[in-house]
Protein backbone atom coordinates (compact mmCIF):
# COMPACT_ATOMS: atom_id res chain seq x y z
CA UNK A 1 8.74 13.09 -5.74
CA UNK A 2 7.51 12.36 -2.20
CA UNK A 3 10.91 13.41 -0.70
CA UNK A 4 10.74 16.68 -2.66
CA UNK A 5 7.24 17.47 -1.30
CA UNK A 6 8.34 16.72 2.26
CA UNK A 7 11.40 18.97 1.91
CA UNK A 8 9.11 21.68 0.52
CA UNK A 9 6.85 21.28 3.51
CA UNK A 10 9.81 21.51 5.93
CA UNK A 11 11.06 24.72 4.25
CA UNK A 12 7.57 26.27 4.39
CA UNK A 13 7.17 25.43 8.02
CA UNK A 14 10.65 26.77 8.87
CA UNK A 15 9.87 29.96 6.95
CA UNK A 16 6.62 30.39 8.90
CA UNK A 17 8.35 29.68 12.25
CA UNK A 18 10.75 32.46 11.50
CA UNK A 19 7.89 34.95 10.95
CA UNK A 20 5.21 33.92 13.44
CA UNK A 21 5.88 35.47 16.82
CA UNK A 22 3.80 32.97 18.80
CA UNK A 23 4.26 29.23 19.15
CA UNK A 24 2.24 27.23 16.67
CA UNK A 25 1.84 23.48 16.18
CA UNK A 26 3.34 22.50 12.82
CA UNK A 27 1.69 19.83 10.69
CA UNK A 28 2.73 17.65 7.79
CA UNK A 29 -0.04 15.24 6.80
CA UNK A 30 0.56 12.43 4.25
CA UNK A 31 -2.37 10.42 2.88
CA UNK A 32 -2.50 7.69 0.34
CA UNK A 33 -5.54 6.05 -1.05
CA UNK A 34 -6.73 4.37 -4.21
CA UNK A 35 -9.83 3.76 -6.15
CA UNK A 36 -10.41 1.45 -9.10
CA UNK A 37 -8.29 3.57 -11.46
CA UNK A 38 -5.87 5.75 -9.48
CA UNK A 39 -3.45 5.83 -6.64
CA UNK A 40 -3.69 9.18 -4.81
CA UNK A 41 -0.95 10.68 -2.68
CA UNK A 42 -1.57 13.87 -0.82
CA UNK A 43 0.94 15.93 1.20
CA UNK A 44 -0.42 18.84 3.20
CA UNK A 45 1.35 21.25 5.58
CA UNK A 46 0.55 24.33 7.57
CA UNK A 47 3.60 26.24 6.49
CA UNK A 48 3.75 29.57 4.61
CA UNK A 49 1.58 28.47 1.72
CA UNK A 50 1.89 29.85 -1.81
CA UNK A 51 0.59 33.19 -2.99
CA UNK A 52 -2.15 32.80 -5.53
CA UNK A 53 -0.11 34.74 -8.15
CA UNK A 54 2.58 31.98 -7.88
CA UNK A 55 0.29 28.96 -8.15
CA UNK A 56 0.23 29.06 -11.97
CA UNK A 57 4.03 29.28 -12.11
CA UNK A 58 5.04 26.98 -9.32
CA UNK A 59 5.90 23.97 -11.62
CA UNK A 60 7.91 25.97 -14.15
CA UNK A 61 11.66 25.26 -14.20
CA UNK A 62 13.65 27.61 -12.03
CA UNK A 63 10.64 29.31 -10.47
CA UNK A 64 10.99 29.39 -6.72
CA UNK A 65 9.21 31.08 -3.89
CA UNK A 66 12.03 30.37 -1.50
CA UNK A 67 14.59 32.86 -0.31
CA UNK A 68 17.82 33.18 -2.32
CA UNK A 69 20.13 30.22 -1.81
CA UNK A 70 17.30 28.00 -0.39
CA UNK A 71 16.04 26.33 -3.54
CA UNK A 72 16.78 25.83 -7.22
CA UNK A 73 13.26 25.95 -8.46
CA UNK A 74 13.62 22.47 -10.01
CA UNK A 75 12.05 20.15 -7.47
CA UNK A 76 8.41 20.54 -8.50
CA UNK A 77 9.27 20.90 -12.16
CA UNK A 78 11.17 17.58 -12.12
CA UNK A 79 8.45 15.94 -10.09
CA UNK A 80 5.81 17.27 -12.60
CA UNK A 81 7.86 15.69 -15.43
CA UNK A 82 7.99 12.28 -13.66
CA UNK A 83 4.32 12.37 -12.89
CA UNK A 84 3.51 13.34 -16.46
CA UNK A 85 5.64 10.45 -17.80
CA UNK A 86 3.61 8.13 -15.58
CA UNK A 87 0.33 9.53 -17.08
CA UNK A 88 -0.50 11.15 -13.76
CA UNK A 89 -1.57 14.50 -12.53
CA UNK A 90 -0.47 16.83 -9.85
CA UNK A 91 -2.75 19.49 -8.27
CA UNK A 92 -1.63 22.17 -5.81
CA UNK A 93 -4.00 24.11 -3.52
CA UNK A 94 -2.76 26.71 -1.06
CA UNK A 95 -3.80 29.53 1.16
CA UNK A 96 -0.91 31.96 1.72
CA UNK A 97 0.36 32.05 5.29
CA UNK A 98 -1.97 29.08 6.18
CA UNK A 99 -1.47 25.80 4.29
CA UNK A 100 -0.53 23.93 1.09
CA UNK A 101 -1.90 20.63 -0.25
CA UNK A 102 -0.33 18.75 -3.15
CA UNK A 103 -2.30 15.85 -4.64
CA UNK A 104 -0.69 13.38 -6.99
CA UNK A 105 -2.83 10.99 -8.89
CA UNK A 106 -1.27 8.02 -10.70
CA UNK A 107 -3.18 5.61 -12.93
CA UNK A 108 -3.22 1.99 -11.70
CA UNK A 109 -2.54 -0.71 -14.25
CA UNK A 110 -5.16 -3.41 -14.54
CA UNK A 111 -4.62 -5.83 -11.70
CA UNK A 112 -4.94 -8.72 -14.14
CA UNK A 113 -2.45 -7.30 -16.57
CA UNK A 114 0.63 -8.67 -14.77
CA UNK A 115 -0.91 -11.53 -12.72
CA UNK A 116 -0.68 -14.14 -15.42
CA UNK A 117 -4.49 -14.30 -15.48
CA UNK A 118 -4.82 -11.65 -18.15
CA UNK A 119 -7.01 -12.68 -20.97
CA UNK A 120 -5.78 -11.87 -24.47
CA UNK A 121 -7.26 -8.83 -26.09
CA UNK A 122 -9.12 -9.99 -29.25
CA UNK A 123 -10.19 -6.27 -29.79
């Protein structure tokens, strides 16, 4: 999933570099953090971004915003399926021609569940 997001960032930055006539400093920012219940992973870039009309379709199989021959439209769809199987969520924010941020949130299992210190559930 992370590799797919990084490759998408690379493609978006390369696309923008081909359009922008002036030099710009490219950025891919990766952040991870957790709270009591979730592990959060964010990947943000300053590439081409995604048009608002495409945001609702971006995770559908075979939907791609890349030029012909550049992508299959399966990367985010497969990642979405994996995240869903893990009971997680994926959120995508973008401003076309400026940036994109993808946030994955995965639930953490109880720390005591696998430590051997778990108390039986007498529910």
